[in-house]
Amino acid sequence: LEKMKTDVIISGSHNDELHLKEYTDSSKHKTS
């Protein structure tokens, strides 16, 4: 449980605000 992580996997848009943009990276999505 201490090691367990959560992640957000969402599509991106060129007008995304920064707090959304960090969860729209497709290479990070593949790892998650």
PDB file of all heavy atoms in Angstrom:
ATOM      1  N   LEU A   1       0.828  -1.208   0.000  1.00  0.00           N
ATOM      2  CA  LEU A   1       0.000   0.000   0.000  1.00  0.00           C
ATOM      3  C   LEU A   1       0.863   1.259   0.000  1.00  0.00           C
ATOM      4  O   LEU A   1       0.542   2.236  -0.687  1.00  0.00           O
ATOM      5  CB  LEU A   1      -0.950   0.000   1.194  1.00  0.00           C
ATOM      6  CG  LEU A   1      -1.956   1.145   1.280  1.00  0.00           C
ATOM      7  CD1 LEU A   1      -2.804   1.239   0.021  1.00  0.00           C
ATOM      8  CD2 LEU A   1      -2.846   0.973   2.504  1.00  0.00           C
ATOM      9  N   GLU A   2       1.959   1.251   0.730  1.00  0.00           N
ATOM     10  CA  GLU A   2       2.858   2.413   0.732  1.00  0.00           C
ATOM     11  C   GLU A   2       3.459   2.668  -0.645  1.00  0.00           C
ATOM     12  O   GLU A   2       3.664   3.808  -1.040  1.00  0.00           O
ATOM     13  CB  GLU A   2       3.990   2.207   1.747  1.00  0.00           C
ATOM     14  CG  GLU A   2       3.568   2.385   3.176  1.00  0.00           C
ATOM     15  CD  GLU A   2       4.694   2.074   4.162  1.00  0.00           C
ATOM     16  OE1 GLU A   2       5.604   1.278   3.829  1.00  0.00           O
ATOM     17  OE2 GLU A   2       4.658   2.630   5.270  1.00  0.00           O
ATOM     18  N   LYS A   3       3.734   1.612  -1.386  1.00  0.00           N
ATOM     19  CA  LYS A   3       4.338   1.730  -2.713  1.00  0.00           C
ATOM     20  C   LYS A   3       3.316   2.069  -3.797  1.00  0.00           C
ATOM     21  O   LYS A   3       3.684   2.543  -4.870  1.00  0.00           O
ATOM     22  CB  LYS A   3       5.015   0.415  -3.116  1.00  0.00           C
ATOM     23  CG  LYS A   3       6.284   0.126  -2.398  1.00  0.00           C
ATOM     24  CD  LYS A   3       6.834  -1.188  -2.931  1.00  0.00           C
ATOM     25  CE  LYS A   3       8.256  -1.412  -2.547  1.00  0.00           C
ATOM     26  NZ  LYS A   3       8.776  -2.668  -3.113  1.00  0.00           N
ATOM     27  N   MET A   4       2.042   1.783  -3.536  1.00  0.00           N
ATOM     28  CA  MET A   4       1.019   1.930  -4.561  1.00  0.00           C
ATOM     29  C   MET A   4       0.887   3.375  -5.040  1.00  0.00           C
ATOM     30  O   MET A   4       0.933   4.308  -4.244  1.00  0.00           O
ATOM     31  CB  MET A   4      -0.333   1.449  -4.053  1.00  0.00           C
ATOM     32  CG  MET A   4      -1.344   1.344  -5.187  1.00  0.00           C
ATOM     33  SD  MET A   4      -2.962   0.834  -4.649  1.00  0.00           S
ATOM     34  CE  MET A   4      -3.607   2.381  -4.059  1.00  0.00           C
ATOM     35  N   LYS A   5       0.713   3.511  -6.337  1.00  0.00           N
ATOM     36  CA  LYS A   5       0.568   4.824  -6.962  1.00  0.00           C
ATOM     37  C   LYS A   5      -0.758   4.913  -7.686  1.00  0.00           C
ATOM     38  O   LYS A   5      -1.372   3.906  -8.030  1.00  0.00           O
ATOM     39  CB  LYS A   5       1.695   5.040  -7.977  1.00  0.00           C
ATOM     40  CG  LYS A   5       3.071   5.005  -7.384  1.00  0.00           C
ATOM     41  CD  LYS A   5       4.121   5.080  -8.469  1.00  0.00           C
ATOM     42  CE  LYS A   5       5.501   4.912  -7.854  1.00  0.00           C
ATOM     43  NZ  LYS A   5       6.500   4.540  -8.835  1.00  0.00           N
ATOM     44  N   THR A   6      -1.165   6.141  -7.925  1.00  0.00           N
ATOM     45  CA  THR A   6      -2.319   6.403  -8.780  1.00  0.00           C
ATOM     46  C   THR A   6      -1.824   7.243  -9.946  1.00  0.00           C
ATOM     47  O   THR A   6      -0.784   7.899  -9.850  1.00  0.00           O
ATOM     48  CB  THR A   6      -3.427   7.173  -8.030  1.00  0.00           C
ATOM     49  OG1 THR A   6      -2.941   8.475  -7.701  1.00  0.00           O
ATOM     50  CG2 THR A   6      -3.840   6.445  -6.762  1.00  0.00           C
ATOM     51  N   ASP A   7      -2.568   7.229 -11.041  1.00  0.00           N
ATOM     52  CA  ASP A   7      -2.204   8.090 -12.149  1.00  0.00           C
ATOM     53  C   ASP A   7      -3.445   8.476 -12.931  1.00  0.00           C
ATOM     54  O   ASP A   7      -4.455   7.765 -12.917  1.00  0.00           O
ATOM     55  CB  ASP A   7      -1.186   7.426 -13.080  1.00  0.00           C
ATOM     56  CG  ASP A   7      -0.373   8.449 -13.865  1.00  0.00           C
ATOM     57  OD1 ASP A   7      -0.597   9.671 -13.696  1.00  0.00           O
ATOM     58  OD2 ASP A   7       0.489   8.032 -14.657  1.00  0.00           O
ATOM     59  N   VAL A   8      -3.342   9.610 -13.597  1.00  0.00           N
ATOM     60  CA  VAL A   8      -4.406  10.118 -14.462  1.00  0.00           C
ATOM     61  C   VAL A   8      -3.967   9.898 -15.897  1.00  0.00           C
ATOM     62  O   VAL A   8      -2.838  10.218 -16.267  1.00  0.00           O
ATOM     63  CB  VAL A   8      -4.647  11.627 -14.202  1.00  0.00           C
ATOM     64  CG1 VAL A   8      -5.646  12.196 -15.199  1.00  0.00           C
ATOM     65  CG2 VAL A   8      -5.123  11.849 -12.781  1.00  0.00           C
ATOM     66  N   ILE A   9      -4.866   9.365 -16.697  1.00  0.00           N
ATOM     67  CA  ILE A   9      -4.584   9.154 -18.110  1.00  0.00           C
ATOM     68  C   ILE A   9      -5.700   9.835 -18.890  1.00  0.00           C
ATOM     69  O   ILE A   9      -6.824   9.330 -18.947  1.00  0.00           O
ATOM     70  CB  ILE A   9      -4.476   7.651 -18.430  1.00  0.00           C
ATOM     71  CG1 ILE A   9      -3.339   7.051 -17.615  1.00  0.00           C
ATOM     72  CG2 ILE A   9      -4.292   7.431 -19.917  1.00  0.00           C
ATOM     73  CD1 ILE A   9      -3.170   5.568 -17.749  1.00  0.00           C
ATOM     74  N   ILE A  10      -5.366  11.005 -19.443  1.00  0.00           N
ATOM     75  CA  ILE A  10      -6.339  11.795 -20.198  1.00  0.00           C
ATOM     76  C   ILE A  10      -5.717  12.277 -21.497  1.00  0.00           C
ATOM     77  O   ILE A  10      -4.502  12.407 -21.605  1.00  0.00           O
ATOM     78  CB  ILE A  10      -6.870  13.001 -19.386  1.00  0.00           C
ATOM     79  CG1 ILE A  10      -5.717  13.888 -18.897  1.00  0.00           C
ATOM     80  CG2 ILE A  10      -7.749  12.530 -18.237  1.00  0.00           C
ATOM     81  CD1 ILE A  10      -6.154  15.164 -18.187  1.00  0.00           C
ATOM     82  N   SER A  11      -6.567  12.548 -22.471  1.00  0.00           N
ATOM     83  CA  SER A  11      -6.085  13.095 -23.737  1.00  0.00           C
ATOM     84  C   SER A  11      -5.757  14.571 -23.554  1.00  0.00           C
ATOM     85  O   SER A  11      -6.227  15.213 -22.626  1.00  0.00           O
ATOM     86  CB  SER A  11      -7.143  12.911 -24.828  1.00  0.00           C
ATOM     87  OG  SER A  11      -8.346  13.529 -24.425  1.00  0.00           O
ATOM     88  N   GLY A  12      -4.947  15.077 -24.460  1.00  0.00           N
ATOM     89  CA  GLY A  12      -4.520  16.470 -24.362  1.00  0.00           C
ATOM     90  C   GLY A  12      -5.087  17.343 -25.452  1.00  0.00           C
ATOM     91  O   GLY A  12      -5.619  16.870 -26.453  1.00  0.00           O
ATOM     92  N   SER A  13      -4.968  18.634 -25.243  1.00  0.00           N
ATOM     93  CA  SER A  13      -5.369  19.649 -26.205  1.00  0.00           C
ATOM     94  C   SER A  13      -4.306  20.739 -26.177  1.00  0.00           C
ATOM     95  O   SER A  13      -3.673  20.968 -25.142  1.00  0.00           O
ATOM     96  CB  SER A  13      -6.736  20.218 -25.812  1.00  0.00           C
ATOM     97  OG  SER A  13      -7.053  21.332 -26.606  1.00  0.00           O
ATOM     98  N   HIS A  14      -4.109  21.412 -27.287  1.00  0.00           N
ATOM     99  CA  HIS A  14      -3.047  22.422 -27.333  1.00  0.00           C
ATOM    100  C   HIS A  14      -3.314  23.612 -26.410  1.00  0.00           C
ATOM    101  O   HIS A  14      -2.411  24.365 -26.100  1.00  0.00           O
ATOM    102  CB  HIS A  14      -2.795  22.879 -28.775  1.00  0.00           C
ATOM    103  CG  HIS A  14      -3.945  23.600 -29.407  1.00  0.00           C
ATOM    104  ND1 HIS A  14      -5.049  22.946 -29.903  1.00  0.00           N
ATOM    105  CD2 HIS A  14      -4.159  24.907 -29.594  1.00  0.00           C
ATOM    106  CE1 HIS A  14      -5.901  23.837 -30.386  1.00  0.00           C
ATOM    107  NE2 HIS A  14      -5.387  25.036 -30.219  1.00  0.00           N
ATOM    108  N   ASN A  15      -4.531  23.790 -25.942  1.00  0.00           N
ATOM    109  CA  ASN A  15      -4.864  24.894 -25.043  1.00  0.00           C
ATOM    110  C   ASN A  15      -4.967  24.479 -23.577  1.00  0.00           C
ATOM    111  O   ASN A  15      -5.496  25.227 -22.759  1.00  0.00           O
ATOM    112  CB  ASN A  15      -6.190  25.545 -25.465  1.00  0.00           C
ATOM    113  CG  ASN A  15      -6.053  26.302 -26.761  1.00  0.00           C
ATOM    114  OD1 ASN A  15      -5.003  26.861 -27.060  1.00  0.00           O
ATOM    115  ND2 ASN A  15      -7.120  26.304 -27.554  1.00  0.00           N
ATOM    116  N   ASP A  16      -4.469  23.299 -23.249  1.00  0.00           N
ATOM    117  CA  ASP A  16      -4.584  22.807 -21.876  1.00  0.00           C
ATOM    118  C   ASP A  16      -3.841  23.688 -20.889  1.00  0.00           C
ATOM    119  O   ASP A  16      -2.743  24.164 -21.167  1.00  0.00           O
ATOM    120  CB  ASP A  16      -4.023  21.387 -21.757  1.00  0.00           C
ATOM    121  CG  ASP A  16      -4.988  20.344 -22.245  1.00  0.00           C
ATOM    122  OD1 ASP A  16      -6.192  20.636 -22.327  1.00  0.00           O
ATOM    123  OD2 ASP A  16      -4.529  19.224 -22.534  1.00  0.00           O
ATOM    124  N   GLU A  17      -4.456  23.853 -19.717  1.00  0.00           N
ATOM    125  CA  GLU A  17      -3.777  24.531 -18.621  1.00  0.00           C
ATOM    126  C   GLU A  17      -2.710  23.597 -18.064  1.00  0.00           C
ATOM    127  O   GLU A  17      -2.769  22.376 -18.250  1.00  0.00           O
ATOM    128  CB  GLU A  17      -4.789  24.903 -17.541  1.00  0.00           C
ATOM    129  CG  GLU A  17      -5.815  25.929 -18.034  1.00  0.00           C
ATOM    130  CD  GLU A  17      -6.815  26.300 -16.964  1.00  0.00           C
ATOM    131  OE1 GLU A  17      -6.464  26.249 -15.768  1.00  0.00           O
ATOM    132  OE2 GLU A  17      -7.943  26.631 -17.328  1.00  0.00           O
ATOM    133  N   LEU A  18      -1.731  24.155 -17.372  1.00  0.00           N
ATOM    134  CA  LEU A  18      -0.590  23.376 -16.900  1.00  0.00           C
ATOM    135  C   LEU A  18      -0.976  22.201 -16.004  1.00  0.00           C
ATOM    136  O   LEU A  18      -0.377  21.130 -16.088  1.00  0.00           O
ATOM    137  CB  LEU A  18       0.406  24.279 -16.176  1.00  0.00           C
ATOM    138  CG  LEU A  18       1.194  25.233 -17.074  1.00  0.00           C
ATOM    139  CD1 LEU A  18       2.084  26.136 -16.225  1.00  0.00           C
ATOM    140  CD2 LEU A  18       2.018  24.475 -18.097  1.00  0.00           C
ATOM    141  N   HIS A  19      -1.969  22.385 -15.127  1.00  0.00           N
ATOM    142  CA  HIS A  19      -2.335  21.304 -14.216  1.00  0.00           C
ATOM    143  C   HIS A  19      -2.944  20.110 -14.956  1.00  0.00           C
ATOM    144  O   HIS A  19      -2.931  18.993 -14.448  1.00  0.00           O
ATOM    145  CB  HIS A  19      -3.259  21.806 -13.099  1.00  0.00           C
ATOM    146  CG  HIS A  19      -4.646  22.117 -13.545  1.00  0.00           C
ATOM    147  ND1 HIS A  19      -4.971  23.260 -14.240  1.00  0.00           N
ATOM    148  CD2 HIS A  19      -5.794  21.431 -13.384  1.00  0.00           C
ATOM    149  CE1 HIS A  19      -6.268  23.265 -14.492  1.00  0.00           C
ATOM    150  NE2 HIS A  19      -6.785  22.170 -13.987  1.00  0.00           N
ATOM    151  N   LEU A  20      -3.456  20.318 -16.167  1.00  0.00           N
ATOM    152  CA  LEU A  20      -3.962  19.215 -16.989  1.00  0.00           C
ATOM    153  C   LEU A  20      -2.856  18.634 -17.859  1.00  0.00           C
ATOM    154  O   LEU A  20      -2.770  17.427 -18.056  1.00  0.00           O
ATOM    155  CB  LEU A  20      -5.105  19.685 -17.897  1.00  0.00           C
ATOM    156  CG  LEU A  20      -6.392  20.138 -17.234  1.00  0.00           C
ATOM    157  CD1 LEU A  20      -7.374  20.646 -18.279  1.00  0.00           C
ATOM    158  CD2 LEU A  20      -7.015  19.008 -16.435  1.00  0.00           C
ATOM    159  N   LYS A  21      -2.008  19.501 -18.363  1.00  0.00           N
ATOM    160  CA  LYS A  21      -0.967  19.116 -19.311  1.00  0.00           C
ATOM    161  C   LYS A  21      -0.037  18.038 -18.761  1.00  0.00           C
ATOM    162  O   LYS A  21       0.406  17.165 -19.493  1.00  0.00           O
ATOM    163  CB  LYS A  21      -0.166  20.345 -19.733  1.00  0.00           C
ATOM    164  CG  LYS A  21       0.505  20.205 -21.090  1.00  0.00           C
ATOM    165  CD  LYS A  21       1.144  21.511 -21.482  1.00  0.00           C
ATOM    166  CE  LYS A  21       0.684  22.163 -22.717  1.00  0.00           C
ATOM    167  NZ  LYS A  21      -0.221  21.652 -23.637  1.00  0.00           N
ATOM    168  N   GLU A  22       0.239  18.061 -17.456  1.00  0.00           N
ATOM    169  CA  GLU A  22       1.158  17.073 -16.896  1.00  0.00           C
ATOM    170  C   GLU A  22       0.612  15.644 -16.969  1.00  0.00           C
ATOM    171  O   GLU A  22       1.353  14.685 -16.812  1.00  0.00           O
ATOM    172  CB  GLU A  22       1.555  17.423 -15.464  1.00  0.00           C
ATOM    173  CG  GLU A  22       0.518  17.141 -14.415  1.00  0.00           C
ATOM    174  CD  GLU A  22       1.033  17.417 -13.008  1.00  0.00           C
ATOM    175  OE1 GLU A  22       1.744  16.551 -12.467  1.00  0.00           O
ATOM    176  OE2 GLU A  22       0.720  18.489 -12.482  1.00  0.00           O
ATOM    177  N   TYR A  23      -0.691  15.489 -17.242  1.00  0.00           N
ATOM    178  CA  TYR A  23      -1.296  14.159 -17.320  1.00  0.00           C
ATOM    179  C   TYR A  23      -1.651  13.749 -18.751  1.00  0.00           C
ATOM    180  O   TYR A  23      -2.366  12.769 -18.946  1.00  0.00           O
ATOM    181  CB  TYR A  23      -2.554  14.102 -16.445  1.00  0.00           C
ATOM    182  CG  TYR A  23      -2.238  14.344 -14.996  1.00  0.00           C
ATOM    183  CD1 TYR A  23      -2.588  15.548 -14.381  1.00  0.00           C
ATOM    184  CD2 TYR A  23      -1.568  13.395 -14.247  1.00  0.00           C
ATOM    185  CE1 TYR A  23      -2.286  15.774 -13.051  1.00  0.00           C
ATOM    186  CE2 TYR A  23      -1.260  13.622 -12.910  1.00  0.00           C
ATOM    187  CZ  TYR A  23      -1.628  14.808 -12.324  1.00  0.00           C
ATOM    188  OH  TYR A  23      -1.317  15.027 -11.002  1.00  0.00           O
ATOM    189  N   THR A  24      -1.160  14.477 -19.747  1.00  0.00           N
ATOM    190  CA  THR A  24      -1.527  14.195 -21.137  1.00  0.00           C
ATOM    191  C   THR A  24      -0.368  13.654 -21.970  1.00  0.00           C
ATOM    192  O   THR A  24      -0.502  13.498 -23.171  1.00  0.00           O
ATOM    193  CB  THR A  24      -2.090  15.461 -21.812  1.00  0.00           C
ATOM    194  OG1 THR A  24      -1.078  16.475 -21.846  1.00  0.00           O
ATOM    195  CG2 THR A  24      -3.324  15.982 -21.097  1.00  0.00           C
ATOM    196  N   ASP A  25       0.746  13.346 -21.351  1.00  0.00           N
ATOM    197  CA  ASP A  25       1.938  12.864 -22.042  1.00  0.00           C
ATOM    198  C   ASP A  25       1.758  11.392 -22.440  1.00  0.00           C
ATOM    199  O   ASP A  25       1.699  10.512 -21.580  1.00  0.00           O
ATOM    200  CB  ASP A  25       3.148  13.031 -21.122  1.00  0.00           C
ATOM    201  CG  ASP A  25       4.456  12.584 -21.739  1.00  0.00           C
ATOM    202  OD1 ASP A  25       4.442  11.920 -22.806  1.00  0.00           O
ATOM    203  OD2 ASP A  25       5.503  12.888 -21.151  1.00  0.00           O
ATOM    204  N   SER A  26       1.686  11.115 -23.734  1.00  0.00           N
ATOM    205  CA  SER A  26       1.406   9.756 -24.201  1.00  0.00           C
ATOM    206  C   SER A  26       2.518   8.765 -23.849  1.00  0.00           C
ATOM    207  O   SER A  26       2.245   7.587 -23.626  1.00  0.00           O
ATOM    208  CB  SER A  26       1.134   9.741 -25.707  1.00  0.00           C
ATOM    209  OG  SER A  26       2.255  10.209 -26.411  1.00  0.00           O
ATOM    210  N   SER A  27       3.770   9.203 -23.769  1.00  0.00           N
ATOM    211  CA  SER A  27       4.833   8.272 -23.379  1.00  0.00           C
ATOM    212  C   SER A  27       4.707   7.906 -21.894  1.00  0.00           C
ATOM    213  O   SER A  27       4.958   6.762 -21.502  1.00  0.00           O
ATOM    214  CB  SER A  27       6.214   8.854 -23.682  1.00  0.00           C
ATOM    215  OG  SER A  27       6.459  10.005 -22.921  1.00  0.00           O
ATOM    216  N   LYS A  28       4.301   8.873 -21.072  1.00  0.00           N
ATOM    217  CA  LYS A  28       4.053   8.575 -19.658  1.00  0.00           C
ATOM    218  C   LYS A  28       2.837   7.651 -19.520  1.00  0.00           C
ATOM    219  O   LYS A  28       2.810   6.767 -18.666  1.00  0.00           O
ATOM    220  CB  LYS A  28       3.833   9.873 -18.890  1.00  0.00           C
ATOM    221  CG  LYS A  28       3.701   9.688 -17.398  1.00  0.00           C
ATOM    222  CD  LYS A  28       3.605  11.017 -16.677  1.00  0.00           C
ATOM    223  CE  LYS A  28       3.386  10.796 -15.207  1.00  0.00           C
ATOM    224  NZ  LYS A  28       2.038  11.082 -14.759  1.00  0.00           N
ATOM    225  N   HIS A  29       1.840   7.854 -20.382  1.00  0.00           N
ATOM    226  CA  HIS A  29       0.660   6.983 -20.374  1.00  0.00           C
ATOM    227  C   HIS A  29       1.064   5.534 -20.595  1.00  0.00           C
ATOM    228  O   HIS A  29       0.560   4.629 -19.921  1.00  0.00           O
ATOM    229  CB  HIS A  29      -0.337   7.382 -21.462  1.00  0.00           C
ATOM    230  CG  HIS A  29      -1.032   8.673 -21.203  1.00  0.00           C
ATOM    231  ND1 HIS A  29      -1.810   9.278 -22.152  1.00  0.00           N
ATOM    232  CD2 HIS A  29      -1.078   9.487 -20.129  1.00  0.00           C
ATOM    233  CE1 HIS A  29      -2.306  10.407 -21.673  1.00  0.00           C
ATOM    234  NE2 HIS A  29      -1.872  10.544 -20.440  1.00  0.00           N
ATOM    235  N   LYS A  30       1.960   5.297 -21.557  1.00  0.00           N
ATOM    236  CA  LYS A  30       2.381   3.918 -21.857  1.00  0.00           C
ATOM    237  C   LYS A  30       3.002   3.258 -20.635  1.00  0.00           C
ATOM    238  O   LYS A  30       2.709   2.102 -20.324  1.00  0.00           O
ATOM    239  CB  LYS A  30       3.371   3.912 -23.022  1.00  0.00           C
ATOM    240  CG  LYS A  30       2.730   4.194 -24.354  1.00  0.00           C
ATOM    241  CD  LYS A  30       3.745   4.200 -25.477  1.00  0.00           C
ATOM    242  CE  LYS A  30       3.058   4.605 -26.767  1.00  0.00           C
ATOM    243  NZ  LYS A  30       3.977   4.778 -27.873  1.00  0.00           N
ATOM    244  N   THR A  31       3.841   3.993 -19.924  1.00  0.00           N
ATOM    245  CA  THR A  31       4.478   3.450 -18.719  1.00  0.00           C
ATOM    246  C   THR A  31       3.439   3.194 -17.635  1.00  0.00           C
ATOM    247  O   THR A  31       3.455   2.151 -16.979  1.00  0.00           O
ATOM    248  CB  THR A  31       5.563   4.415 -18.202  1.00  0.00           C
ATOM    249  OG1 THR A  31       6.512   4.639 -19.242  1.00  0.00           O
ATOM    250  CG2 THR A  31       6.261   3.861 -16.984  1.00  0.00           C
ATOM    251  N   SER A  32       2.514   4.138 -17.439  1.00  0.00           N
ATOM    252  CA  SER A  32       1.480   3.974 -16.408  1.00  0.00           C
ATOM    253  C   SER A  32       0.557   2.804 -16.726  1.00  0.00           C
ATOM    254  O   SER A  32       0.196   2.027 -15.835  1.00  0.00           O
ATOM    255  CB  SER A  32       0.662   5.251 -16.277  1.00  0.00           C
ATOM    256  OG  SER A  32       1.454   6.283 -15.759  1.00  0.00           O
TER     257      SER A  32
END
